Amino acid sequence: MKRKNRVLKHQEFNEIISLAPVLKTAHYVVHWRPSKAQESRIGISVSKRNGGAVTRNRIKRQIRAMIADGYDLSKRFDIIIIVRASYDPSRYGAEATELLDCLSKLGVPQH
């Protein structure tokens, strides 16, 4: 993911998390809002509960790869993906399917 496609500032993270709608799955909490930018911007948050620094960085690389492989960045959303402690880096395929299914629901009214 290019730098222009990332939410980097702490203030923007907090703004999106506090004001945006939420989608929850077993391994992810996704906060999103419509973006004013030309492309989607994505921020990834991985807690210390997920493991040490090496594990957390591995998880972030996996999330970025999932997004690069299956998400259309031309959709205009600011997205924060919070990875829950139940995420298992060794189950990449199943985790990717779950995340991409969740991201496909952005902007669709939920019941």
PDB file of N, CA and C in Angstrom:
ATOM      1  N   MET A   1       0.843  -1.170   0.000  1.00  0.00           N
ATOM      2  CA  MET A   1       0.000   0.000   0.000  1.00  0.00           C
ATOM      3  C   MET A   1       0.889   1.234   0.000  1.00  0.00           C
ATOM      4  N   LYS A   2       0.564   2.164  -0.848  1.00  0.00           N
ATOM      5  CA  LYS A   2       1.329   3.401  -0.915  1.00  0.00           C
ATOM      6  C   LYS A   2       1.007   4.289   0.281  1.00  0.00           C
ATOM      7  N   ARG A   3       1.898   5.205   0.568  1.00  0.00           N
ATOM      8  CA  ARG A   3       1.734   6.101   1.711  1.00  0.00           C
ATOM      9  C   ARG A   3       0.453   6.925   1.599  1.00  0.00           C
ATOM     10  N   LYS A   4       0.089   7.326   0.387  1.00  0.00           N
ATOM     11  CA  LYS A   4      -1.125   8.129   0.211  1.00  0.00           C
ATOM     12  C   LYS A   4      -2.393   7.338   0.536  1.00  0.00           C
ATOM     13  N   ASN A   5      -2.284   6.017   0.610  1.00  0.00           N
ATOM     14  CA  ASN A   5      -3.426   5.161   0.919  1.00  0.00           C
ATOM     15  C   ASN A   5      -3.452   4.725   2.385  1.00  0.00           C
ATOM     16  N   ARG A   6      -2.712   5.440   3.240  1.00  0.00           N
ATOM     17  CA  ARG A   6      -2.679   5.081   4.654  1.00  0.00           C
ATOM     18  C   ARG A   6      -3.167   6.237   5.516  1.00  0.00           C
ATOM     19  N   VAL A   7      -3.868   5.888   6.574  1.00  0.00           N
ATOM     20  CA  VAL A   7      -4.207   6.854   7.614  1.00  0.00           C
ATOM     21  C   VAL A   7      -3.052   6.772   8.605  1.00  0.00           C
ATOM     22  N   LEU A   8      -2.312   7.869   8.775  1.00  0.00           N
ATOM     23  CA  LEU A   8      -1.104   7.829   9.577  1.00  0.00           C
ATOM     24  C   LEU A   8      -1.194   8.612  10.879  1.00  0.00           C
ATOM     25  N   LYS A   9      -1.958   9.666  10.905  1.00  0.00           N
ATOM     26  CA  LYS A   9      -1.967  10.549  12.063  1.00  0.00           C
ATOM     27  C   LYS A   9      -2.893  10.021  13.160  1.00  0.00           C
ATOM     28  N   HIS A  10      -2.403  10.113  14.389  1.00  0.00           N
ATOM     29  CA  HIS A  10      -3.150   9.648  15.548  1.00  0.00           C
ATOM     30  C   HIS A  10      -4.504  10.359  15.658  1.00  0.00           C
ATOM     31  N   GLN A  11      -4.520  11.637  15.373  1.00  0.00           N
ATOM     32  CA  GLN A  11      -5.763  12.424  15.449  1.00  0.00           C
ATOM     33  C   GLN A  11      -6.801  11.900  14.456  1.00  0.00           C
ATOM     34  N   GLU A  12      -6.374  11.547  13.238  1.00  0.00           N
ATOM     35  CA  GLU A  12      -7.308  11.000  12.248  1.00  0.00           C
ATOM     36  C   GLU A  12      -7.823   9.629  12.683  1.00  0.00           C
ATOM     37  N   PHE A  13      -6.956   8.789  13.251  1.00  0.00           N
ATOM     38  CA  PHE A  13      -7.386   7.498  13.779  1.00  0.00           C
ATOM     39  C   PHE A  13      -8.512   7.706  14.779  1.00  0.00           C
ATOM     40  N   ASN A  14      -8.264   8.591  15.753  1.00  0.00           N
ATOM     41  CA  ASN A  14      -9.260   8.827  16.799  1.00  0.00           C
ATOM     42  C   ASN A  14     -10.557   9.392  16.243  1.00  0.00           C
ATOM     43  N   GLU A  15     -10.461  10.293  15.281  1.00  0.00           N
ATOM     44  CA  GLU A  15     -11.650  10.899  14.679  1.00  0.00           C
ATOM     45  C   GLU A  15     -12.495   9.848  13.966  1.00  0.00           C
ATOM     46  N   ILE A  16     -11.850   8.996  13.190  1.00  0.00           N
ATOM     47  CA  ILE A  16     -12.571   7.956  12.450  1.00  0.00           C
ATOM     48  C   ILE A  16     -13.191   6.950  13.421  1.00  0.00           C
ATOM     49  N   ILE A  17     -12.441   6.542  14.434  1.00  0.00           N
ATOM     50  CA  ILE A  17     -12.938   5.550  15.391  1.00  0.00           C
ATOM     51  C   ILE A  17     -14.115   6.093  16.194  1.00  0.00           C
ATOM     52  N   SER A  18     -14.050   7.360  16.570  1.00  0.00           N
ATOM     53  CA  SER A  18     -15.106   7.896  17.438  1.00  0.00           C
ATOM     54  C   SER A  18     -16.384   8.242  16.688  1.00  0.00           C
ATOM     55  N   LEU A  19     -16.293   8.580  15.403  1.00  0.00           N
ATOM     56  CA  LEU A  19     -17.461   9.064  14.680  1.00  0.00           C
ATOM     57  C   LEU A  19     -18.010   8.107  13.624  1.00  0.00           C
ATOM     58  N   ALA A  20     -17.246   7.103  13.261  1.00  0.00           N
ATOM     59  CA  ALA A  20     -17.603   6.287  12.107  1.00  0.00           C
ATOM     60  C   ALA A  20     -18.442   5.069  12.483  1.00  0.00           C
ATOM     61  N   PRO A  21     -19.234   4.567  11.525  1.00  0.00           N
ATOM     62  CA  PRO A  21     -19.946   3.302  11.729  1.00  0.00           C
ATOM     63  C   PRO A  21     -18.949   2.149  11.891  1.00  0.00           C
ATOM     64  N   VAL A  22     -19.402   1.052  12.451  1.00  0.00           N
ATOM     65  CA  VAL A  22     -18.529  -0.074  12.773  1.00  0.00           C
ATOM     66  C   VAL A  22     -19.078  -1.361  12.163  1.00  0.00           C
ATOM     67  N   LEU A  23     -18.171  -2.183  11.648  1.00  0.00           N
ATOM     68  CA  LEU A  23     -18.484  -3.558  11.253  1.00  0.00           C
ATOM     69  C   LEU A  23     -17.595  -4.466  12.096  1.00  0.00           C
ATOM     70  N   LYS A  24     -18.180  -5.475  12.725  1.00  0.00           N
ATOM     71  CA  LYS A  24     -17.408  -6.373  13.585  1.00  0.00           C
ATOM     72  C   LYS A  24     -17.488  -7.797  13.066  1.00  0.00           C
ATOM     73  N   THR A  25     -16.340  -8.477  13.105  1.00  0.00           N
ATOM     74  CA  THR A  25     -16.280  -9.905  12.786  1.00  0.00           C
ATOM     75  C   THR A  25     -15.532 -10.589  13.919  1.00  0.00           C
ATOM     76  N   ALA A  26     -15.284 -11.867  13.763  1.00  0.00           N
ATOM     77  CA  ALA A  26     -14.593 -12.618  14.810  1.00  0.00           C
ATOM     78  C   ALA A  26     -13.170 -12.123  15.033  1.00  0.00           C
ATOM     79  N   HIS A  27     -12.515 -11.635  13.972  1.00  0.00           N
ATOM     80  CA  HIS A  27     -11.105 -11.251  14.081  1.00  0.00           C
ATOM     81  C   HIS A  27     -10.823  -9.787  13.797  1.00  0.00           C
ATOM     82  N   TYR A  28     -11.834  -9.023  13.401  1.00  0.00           N
ATOM     83  CA  TYR A  28     -11.606  -7.625  13.023  1.00  0.00           C
ATOM     84  C   TYR A  28     -12.731  -6.727  13.547  1.00  0.00           C
ATOM     85  N   VAL A  29     -12.359  -5.475  13.800  1.00  0.00           N
ATOM     86  CA  VAL A  29     -13.320  -4.411  14.018  1.00  0.00           C
ATOM     87  C   VAL A  29     -12.962  -3.360  12.972  1.00  0.00           C
ATOM     88  N   VAL A  30     -13.900  -3.020  12.103  1.00  0.00           N
ATOM     89  CA  VAL A  30     -13.628  -2.103  11.002  1.00  0.00           C
ATOM     90  C   VAL A  30     -14.475  -0.853  11.168  1.00  0.00           C
ATOM     91  N   HIS A  31     -13.806   0.284  11.339  1.00  0.00           N
ATOM     92  CA  HIS A  31     -14.458   1.589  11.387  1.00  0.00           C
ATOM     93  C   HIS A  31     -14.250   2.232  10.025  1.00  0.00           C
ATOM     94  N   TRP A  32     -15.281   2.870   9.494  1.00  0.00           N
ATOM     95  CA  TRP A  32     -15.154   3.462   8.165  1.00  0.00           C
ATOM     96  C   TRP A  32     -15.993   4.720   8.050  1.00  0.00           C
ATOM     97  N   ARG A  33     -15.592   5.559   7.129  1.00  0.00           N
ATOM     98  CA  ARG A  33     -16.369   6.756   6.795  1.00  0.00           C
ATOM     99  C   ARG A  33     -16.059   7.114   5.347  1.00  0.00           C
ATOM    100  N   PRO A  34     -16.979   7.807   4.679  1.00  0.00           N
ATOM    101  CA  PRO A  34     -16.683   8.271   3.324  1.00  0.00           C
ATOM    102  C   PRO A  34     -15.490   9.229   3.351  1.00  0.00           C
ATOM    103  N   SER A  35     -14.672   9.143   2.332  1.00  0.00           N
ATOM    104  CA  SER A  35     -13.451   9.939   2.279  1.00  0.00           C
ATOM    105  C   SER A  35     -13.574  11.071   1.270  1.00  0.00           C
ATOM    106  N   LYS A  36     -12.864  12.155   1.533  1.00  0.00           N
ATOM    107  CA  LYS A  36     -12.807  13.256   0.582  1.00  0.00           C
ATOM    108  C   LYS A  36     -11.674  13.056  -0.417  1.00  0.00           C
ATOM    109  N   ALA A  37     -10.786  12.139  -0.133  1.00  0.00           N
ATOM    110  CA  ALA A  37      -9.654  11.855  -1.014  1.00  0.00           C
ATOM    111  C   ALA A  37     -10.134  11.098  -2.254  1.00  0.00           C
ATOM    112  N   GLN A  38      -9.278  11.014  -3.252  1.00  0.00           N
ATOM    113  CA  GLN A  38      -9.609  10.330  -4.501  1.00  0.00           C
ATOM    114  C   GLN A  38      -9.623   8.808  -4.347  1.00  0.00           C
ATOM    115  N   GLU A  39      -8.897   8.292  -3.347  1.00  0.00           N
ATOM    116  CA  GLU A  39      -8.809   6.853  -3.132  1.00  0.00           C
ATOM    117  C   GLU A  39      -9.029   6.547  -1.658  1.00  0.00           C
ATOM    118  N   SER A  40      -9.211   5.280  -1.360  1.00  0.00           N
ATOM    119  CA  SER A  40      -9.360   4.865   0.037  1.00  0.00           C
ATOM    120  C   SER A  40      -8.056   5.071   0.791  1.00  0.00           C
ATOM    121  N   ARG A  41      -8.210   5.342   2.088  1.00  0.00           N
ATOM    122  CA  ARG A  41      -7.068   5.398   2.996  1.00  0.00           C
ATOM    123  C   ARG A  41      -7.354   4.417   4.119  1.00  0.00           C
ATOM    124  N   ILE A  42      -6.332   3.643   4.479  1.00  0.00           N
ATOM    125  CA  ILE A  42      -6.531   2.566   5.442  1.00  0.00           C
ATOM    126  C   ILE A  42      -5.500   2.672   6.558  1.00  0.00           C
ATOM    127  N   GLY A  43      -5.981   2.515   7.797  1.00  0.00           N
ATOM    128  CA  GLY A  43      -5.106   2.449   8.960  1.00  0.00           C
ATOM    129  C   GLY A  43      -5.286   1.091   9.617  1.00  0.00           C
ATOM    130  N   ILE A  44      -4.188   0.541  10.133  1.00  0.00           N
ATOM    131  CA  ILE A  44      -4.228  -0.782  10.747  1.00  0.00           C
ATOM    132  C   ILE A  44      -3.740  -0.661  12.186  1.00  0.00           C
ATOM    133  N   SER A  45      -4.495  -1.221  13.105  1.00  0.00           N
ATOM    134  CA  SER A  45      -4.130  -1.209  14.516  1.00  0.00           C
ATOM    135  C   SER A  45      -4.058  -2.643  15.024  1.00  0.00           C
ATOM    136  N   VAL A  46      -2.892  -2.994  15.584  1.00  0.00           N
ATOM    137  CA  VAL A  46      -2.686  -4.331  16.138  1.00  0.00           C
ATOM    138  C   VAL A  46      -2.223  -4.162  17.582  1.00  0.00           C
ATOM    139  N   SER A  47      -2.957  -4.730  18.506  1.00  0.00           N
ATOM    140  CA  SER A  47      -2.696  -4.589  19.934  1.00  0.00           C
ATOM    141  C   SER A  47      -1.546  -5.478  20.389  1.00  0.00           C
ATOM    142  N   LYS A  48      -0.975  -5.136  21.529  1.00  0.00           N
ATOM    143  CA  LYS A  48       0.069  -5.974  22.131  1.00  0.00           C
ATOM    144  C   LYS A  48      -0.480  -7.333  22.538  1.00  0.00           C
ATOM    145  N   ARG A  49      -1.786  -7.430  22.670  1.00  0.00           N
ATOM    146  CA  ARG A  49      -2.401  -8.727  22.991  1.00  0.00           C
ATOM    147  C   ARG A  49      -2.209  -9.741  21.863  1.00  0.00           C
ATOM    148  N   ASN A  50      -1.904  -9.248  20.656  1.00  0.00           N
ATOM    149  CA  ASN A  50      -1.684 -10.133  19.517  1.00  0.00           C
ATOM    150  C   ASN A  50      -0.298 -10.770  19.551  1.00  0.00           C
ATOM    151  N   GLY A  51       0.615 -10.237  20.348  1.00  0.00           N
ATOM    152  CA  GLY A  51       1.958 -10.805  20.434  1.00  0.00           C
ATOM    153  C   GLY A  51       3.010  -9.719  20.489  1.00  0.00           C
ATOM    154  N   GLY A  52       4.250 -10.136  20.354  1.00  0.00           N
ATOM    155  CA  GLY A  52       5.367  -9.203  20.382  1.00  0.00           C
ATOM    156  C   GLY A  52       5.448  -8.379  19.108  1.00  0.00           C
ATOM    157  N   ALA A  53       6.454  -7.536  19.030  1.00  0.00           N
ATOM    158  CA  ALA A  53       6.602  -6.625  17.902  1.00  0.00           C
ATOM    159  C   ALA A  53       6.737  -7.361  16.572  1.00  0.00           C
ATOM    160  N   VAL A  54       7.471  -8.455  16.574  1.00  0.00           N
ATOM    161  CA  VAL A  54       7.655  -9.217  15.329  1.00  0.00           C
ATOM    162  C   VAL A  54       6.321  -9.756  14.836  1.00  0.00           C
ATOM    163  N   THR A  55       5.531 -10.312  15.730  1.00  0.00           N
ATOM    164  CA  THR A  55       4.220 -10.862  15.368  1.00  0.00           C
ATOM    165  C   THR A  55       3.285  -9.765  14.894  1.00  0.00           C
ATOM    166  N   ARG A  56       3.265  -8.628  15.610  1.00  0.00           N
ATOM    167  CA  ARG A  56       2.387  -7.522  15.217  1.00  0.00           C
ATOM    168  C   ARG A  56       2.756  -6.985  13.843  1.00  0.00           C
ATOM    169  N   ASN A  57       4.043  -6.856  13.567  1.00  0.00           N
ATOM    170  CA  ASN A  57       4.459  -6.380  12.242  1.00  0.00           C
ATOM    171  C   ASN A  57       4.115  -7.391  11.160  1.00  0.00           C
ATOM    172  N   ARG A  58       4.231  -8.675  11.469  1.00  0.00           N
ATOM    173  CA  ARG A  58       3.843  -9.717  10.512  1.00  0.00           C
ATOM    174  C   ARG A  58       2.352  -9.608  10.186  1.00  0.00           C
ATOM    175  N   ILE A  59       1.538  -9.395  11.211  1.00  0.00           N
ATOM    176  CA  ILE A  59       0.092  -9.267  11.012  1.00  0.00           C
ATOM    177  C   ILE A  59      -0.205  -8.051  10.139  1.00  0.00           C
ATOM    178  N   LYS A  60       0.449  -6.923  10.398  1.00  0.00           N
ATOM    179  CA  LYS A  60       0.221  -5.724   9.577  1.00  0.00           C
ATOM    180  C   LYS A  60       0.624  -5.954   8.124  1.00  0.00           C
ATOM    181  N   ARG A  61       1.737  -6.648   7.908  1.00  0.00           N
ATOM    182  CA  ARG A  61       2.139  -6.967   6.526  1.00  0.00           C
ATOM    183  C   ARG A  61       1.103  -7.855   5.859  1.00  0.00           C
ATOM    184  N   GLN A  62       0.559  -8.831   6.604  1.00  0.00           N
ATOM    185  CA  GLN A  62      -0.471  -9.704   6.050  1.00  0.00           C
ATOM    186  C   GLN A  62      -1.722  -8.910   5.687  1.00  0.00           C
ATOM    187  N   ILE A  63      -2.148  -7.997   6.549  1.00  0.00           N
ATOM    188  CA  ILE A  63      -3.341  -7.190   6.272  1.00  0.00           C
ATOM    189  C   ILE A  63      -3.116  -6.353   5.023  1.00  0.00           C
ATOM    190  N   ARG A  64      -1.948  -5.726   4.915  1.00  0.00           N
ATOM    191  CA  ARG A  64      -1.652  -4.921   3.715  1.00  0.00           C
ATOM    192  C   ARG A  64      -1.667  -5.785   2.451  1.00  0.00           C
ATOM    193  N   ALA A  65      -1.154  -7.017   2.542  1.00  0.00           N
ATOM    194  CA  ALA A  65      -1.168  -7.925   1.396  1.00  0.00           C
ATOM    195  C   ALA A  65      -2.597  -8.321   1.026  1.00  0.00           C
ATOM    196  N   MET A  66      -3.434  -8.570   2.035  1.00  0.00           N
ATOM    197  CA  MET A  66      -4.837  -8.903   1.777  1.00  0.00           C
ATOM    198  C   MET A  66      -5.517  -7.770   1.026  1.00  0.00           C
ATOM    199  N   ILE A  67      -5.268  -6.546   1.461  1.00  0.00           N
ATOM    200  CA  ILE A  67      -5.882  -5.384   0.832  1.00  0.00           C
ATOM    201  C   ILE A  67      -5.362  -5.212  -0.586  1.00  0.00           C
ATOM    202  N   ALA A  68      -4.069  -5.380  -0.780  1.00  0.00           N
ATOM    203  CA  ALA A  68      -3.480  -5.237  -2.116  1.00  0.00           C
ATOM    204  C   ALA A  68      -4.028  -6.280  -3.084  1.00  0.00           C
ATOM    205  N   ASP A  69      -4.276  -7.498  -2.581  1.00  0.00           N
ATOM    206  CA  ASP A  69      -4.752  -8.586  -3.439  1.00  0.00           C
ATOM    207  C   ASP A  69      -6.235  -8.516  -3.750  1.00  0.00           C
ATOM    208  N   GLY A  70      -7.048  -7.969  -2.822  1.00  0.00           N
ATOM    209  CA  GLY A  70      -8.471  -8.124  -3.031  1.00  0.00           C
ATOM    210  C   GLY A  70      -9.364  -6.930  -2.802  1.00  0.00           C
ATOM    211  N   TYR A  71      -8.813  -5.764  -2.431  1.00  0.00           N
ATOM    212  CA  TYR A  71      -9.673  -4.612  -2.167  1.00  0.00           C
ATOM    213  C   TYR A  71      -9.418  -3.534  -3.208  1.00  0.00           C
ATOM    214  N   ASP A  72     -10.499  -2.951  -3.706  1.00  0.00           N
ATOM    215  CA  ASP A  72     -10.419  -1.892  -4.720  1.00  0.00           C
ATOM    216  C   ASP A  72     -10.220  -0.548  -4.020  1.00  0.00           C
ATOM    217  N   LEU A  73      -9.017  -0.003  -4.089  1.00  0.00           N
ATOM    218  CA  LEU A  73      -8.698   1.250  -3.407  1.00  0.00           C
ATOM    219  C   LEU A  73      -9.355   2.467  -4.048  1.00  0.00           C
ATOM    220  N   SER A  74      -9.971   2.297  -5.214  1.00  0.00           N
ATOM    221  CA  SER A  74     -10.641   3.438  -5.853  1.00  0.00           C
ATOM    222  C   SER A  74     -11.950   3.792  -5.149  1.00  0.00           C
ATOM    223  N   LYS A  75     -12.464   2.876  -4.308  1.00  0.00           N
ATOM    224  CA  LYS A  75     -13.620   3.217  -3.472  1.00  0.00           C
ATOM    225  C   LYS A  75     -13.152   4.291  -2.507  1.00  0.00           C
ATOM    226  N   ARG A  76     -14.003   5.223  -2.193  1.00  0.00           N
ATOM    227  CA  ARG A  76     -13.586   6.383  -1.418  1.00  0.00           C
ATOM    228  C   ARG A  76     -14.009   6.264   0.048  1.00  0.00           C
ATOM    229  N   PHE A  77     -13.209   5.540   0.826  1.00  0.00           N
ATOM    230  CA  PHE A  77     -13.465   5.376   2.247  1.00  0.00           C
ATOM    231  C   PHE A  77     -12.184   5.585   3.042  1.00  0.00           C
ATOM    232  N   ASP A  78     -12.325   6.139   4.244  1.00  0.00           N
ATOM    233  CA  ASP A  78     -11.263   6.108   5.239  1.00  0.00           C
ATOM    234  C   ASP A  78     -11.611   4.939   6.145  1.00  0.00           C
ATOM    235  N   ILE A  79     -10.671   4.004   6.306  1.00  0.00           N
ATOM    236  CA  ILE A  79     -10.944   2.754   7.013  1.00  0.00           C
ATOM    237  C   ILE A  79      -9.900   2.542   8.097  1.00  0.00           C
ATOM    238  N   ILE A  80     -10.354   2.159   9.271  1.00  0.00           N
ATOM    239  CA  ILE A  80      -9.463   1.729  10.342  1.00  0.00           C
ATOM    240  C   ILE A  80      -9.778   0.269  10.628  1.00  0.00           C
ATOM    241  N   ILE A  81      -8.775  -0.586  10.505  1.00  0.00           N
ATOM    242  CA  ILE A  81      -8.933  -2.013  10.777  1.00  0.00           C
ATOM    243  C   ILE A  81      -8.230  -2.312  12.093  1.00  0.00           C
ATOM    244  N   ILE A  82      -9.011  -2.722  13.083  1.00  0.00           N
ATOM    245  CA  ILE A  82      -8.453  -3.128  14.364  1.00  0.00           C
ATOM    246  C   ILE A  82      -8.459  -4.646  14.395  1.00  0.00           C
ATOM    247  N   VAL A  83      -7.283  -5.218  14.581  1.00  0.00           N
ATOM    248  CA  VAL A  83      -7.141  -6.672  14.572  1.00  0.00           C
ATOM    249  C   VAL A  83      -7.306  -7.180  15.998  1.00  0.00           C
ATOM    250  N   ARG A  84      -8.245  -8.091  16.192  1.00  0.00           N
ATOM    251  CA  ARG A  84      -8.500  -8.650  17.523  1.00  0.00           C
ATOM    252  C   ARG A  84      -7.440  -9.686  17.899  1.00  0.00           C
ATOM    253  N   ALA A  85      -7.348  -9.969  19.175  1.00  0.00           N
ATOM    254  CA  ALA A  85      -6.353 -10.916  19.690  1.00  0.00           C
ATOM    255  C   ALA A  85      -6.584 -12.327  19.166  1.00  0.00           C
ATOM    256  N   SER A  86      -7.784 -12.636  18.710  1.00  0.00           N
ATOM    257  CA  SER A  86      -8.091 -13.975  18.204  1.00  0.00           C
ATOM    258  C   SER A  86      -7.532 -14.234  16.799  1.00  0.00           C
ATOM    259  N   TYR A  87      -6.980 -13.197  16.150  1.00  0.00           N
ATOM    260  CA  TYR A  87      -6.388 -13.343  14.813  1.00  0.00           C
ATOM    261  C   TYR A  87      -5.233 -14.343  14.873  1.00  0.00           C
ATOM    262  N   ASP A  88      -5.192 -15.266  13.895  1.00  0.00           N
ATOM    263  CA  ASP A  88      -4.125 -16.267  13.828  1.00  0.00           C
ATOM    264  C   ASP A  88      -3.343 -16.075  12.532  1.00  0.00           C
ATOM    265  N   PRO A  89      -2.086 -15.592  12.620  1.00  0.00           N
ATOM    266  CA  PRO A  89      -1.300 -15.338  11.400  1.00  0.00           C
ATOM    267  C   PRO A  89      -1.069 -16.582  10.545  1.00  0.00           C
ATOM    268  N   SER A  90      -1.147 -17.767  11.134  1.00  0.00           N
ATOM    269  CA  SER A  90      -0.906 -18.988  10.363  1.00  0.00           C
ATOM    270  C   SER A  90      -2.110 -19.389   9.500  1.00  0.00           C
ATOM    271  N   ARG A  91      -3.263 -18.753   9.710  1.00  0.00           N
ATOM    272  CA  ARG A  91      -4.473 -19.057   8.929  1.00  0.00           C
ATOM    273  C   ARG A  91      -4.750 -17.925   7.940  1.00  0.00           C
ATOM    274  N   TYR A  92      -3.765 -17.546   7.161  1.00  0.00           N
ATOM    275  CA  TYR A  92      -3.844 -16.392   6.275  1.00  0.00           C
ATOM    276  C   TYR A  92      -5.040 -16.452   5.319  1.00  0.00           C
ATOM    277  N   GLY A  93      -5.275 -17.569   4.688  1.00  0.00           N
ATOM    278  CA  GLY A  93      -6.359 -17.690   3.704  1.00  0.00           C
ATOM    279  C   GLY A  93      -7.729 -17.420   4.300  1.00  0.00           C
ATOM    280  N   ALA A  94      -8.022 -18.042   5.426  1.00  0.00           N
ATOM    281  CA  ALA A  94      -9.315 -17.842   6.073  1.00  0.00           C
ATOM    282  C   ALA A  94      -9.457 -16.418   6.589  1.00  0.00           C
ATOM    283  N   GLU A  95      -8.375 -15.881   7.145  1.00  0.00           N
ATOM    284  CA  GLU A  95      -8.407 -14.509   7.667  1.00  0.00           C
ATOM    285  C   GLU A  95      -8.617 -13.509   6.529  1.00  0.00           C
ATOM    286  N   ALA A  96      -7.990 -13.767   5.380  1.00  0.00           N
ATOM    287  CA  ALA A  96      -8.135 -12.872   4.225  1.00  0.00           C
ATOM    288  C   ALA A  96      -9.571 -12.874   3.715  1.00  0.00           C
ATOM    289  N   THR A  97     -10.168 -14.046   3.628  1.00  0.00           N
ATOM    290  CA  THR A  97     -11.556 -14.145   3.176  1.00  0.00           C
ATOM    291  C   THR A  97     -12.482 -13.365   4.095  1.00  0.00           C
ATOM    292  N   GLU A  98     -12.283 -13.513   5.395  1.00  0.00           N
ATOM    293  CA  GLU A  98     -13.125 -12.808   6.368  1.00  0.00           C
ATOM    294  C   GLU A  98     -12.980 -11.294   6.236  1.00  0.00           C
ATOM    295  N   LEU A  99     -11.747 -10.807   6.106  1.00  0.00           N
ATOM    296  CA  LEU A  99     -11.525  -9.364   5.993  1.00  0.00           C
ATOM    297  C   LEU A  99     -12.123  -8.813   4.706  1.00  0.00           C
ATOM    298  N   LEU A 100     -11.902  -9.473   3.588  1.00  0.00           N
ATOM    299  CA  LEU A 100     -12.408  -8.962   2.314  1.00  0.00           C
ATOM    300  C   LEU A 100     -13.935  -9.005   2.263  1.00  0.00           C
ATOM    301  N   ASP A 101     -14.553 -10.015   2.881  1.00  0.00           N
ATOM    302  CA  ASP A 101     -16.018 -10.049   2.985  1.00  0.00           C
ATOM    303  C   ASP A 101     -16.520  -8.856   3.790  1.00  0.00           C
ATOM    304  N   CYS A 102     -15.832  -8.565   4.876  1.00  0.00           N
ATOM    305  CA  CYS A 102     -16.215  -7.429   5.717  1.00  0.00           C
ATOM    306  C   CYS A 102     -16.061  -6.117   4.946  1.00  0.00           C
ATOM    307  N   LEU A 103     -14.944  -5.948   4.236  1.00  0.00           N
ATOM    308  CA  LEU A 103     -14.704  -4.708   3.492  1.00  0.00           C
ATOM    309  C   LEU A 103     -15.689  -4.541   2.336  1.00  0.00           C
ATOM    310  N   SER A 104     -16.202  -5.651   1.798  1.00  0.00           N
ATOM    311  CA  SER A 104     -17.178  -5.557   0.703  1.00  0.00           C
ATOM    312  C   SER A 104     -18.514  -4.987   1.187  1.00  0.00           C
ATOM    313  N   LYS A 105     -18.763  -5.013   2.493  1.00  0.00           N
ATOM    314  CA  LYS A 105     -20.017  -4.517   3.060  1.00  0.00           C
ATOM    315  C   LYS A 105     -19.986  -3.023   3.391  1.00  0.00           C
ATOM    316  N   LEU A 106     -18.850  -2.368   3.196  1.00  0.00           N
ATOM    317  CA  LEU A 106     -18.757  -0.942   3.517  1.00  0.00           C
ATOM    318  C   LEU A 106     -19.714  -0.134   2.664  1.00  0.00           C
ATOM    319  N   GLY A 107     -20.422   0.750   3.280  1.00  0.00           N
ATOM    320  CA  GLY A 107     -21.358   1.616   2.570  1.00  0.00           C
ATOM    321  C   GLY A 107     -22.733   1.012   2.342  1.00  0.00           C
ATOM    322  N   VAL A 108     -22.871  -0.275   2.633  1.00  0.00           N
ATOM    323  CA  VAL A 108     -24.149  -0.948   2.482  1.00  0.00           C
ATOM    324  C   VAL A 108     -24.891  -0.878   3.816  1.00  0.00           C
ATOM    325  N   PRO A 109     -26.125  -0.400   3.837  1.00  0.00           N
ATOM    326  CA  PRO A 109     -26.853  -0.310   5.109  1.00  0.00           C
ATOM    327  C   PRO A 109     -26.989  -1.676   5.773  1.00  0.00           C
ATOM    328  N   GLN A 110     -26.696  -1.729   7.075  1.00  0.00           N
ATOM    329  CA  GLN A 110     -26.790  -2.970   7.838  1.00  0.00           C
ATOM    330  C   GLN A 110     -28.104  -2.985   8.612  1.00  0.00           C
ATOM    331  N   HIS A 111     -28.687  -4.150   8.792  1.00  0.00           N
ATOM    332  CA  HIS A 111     -29.949  -4.277   9.540  1.00  0.00           C
ATOM    333  C   HIS A 111     -29.653  -4.609  10.961  1.00  0.00           C
TER     334      HIS A 111
END
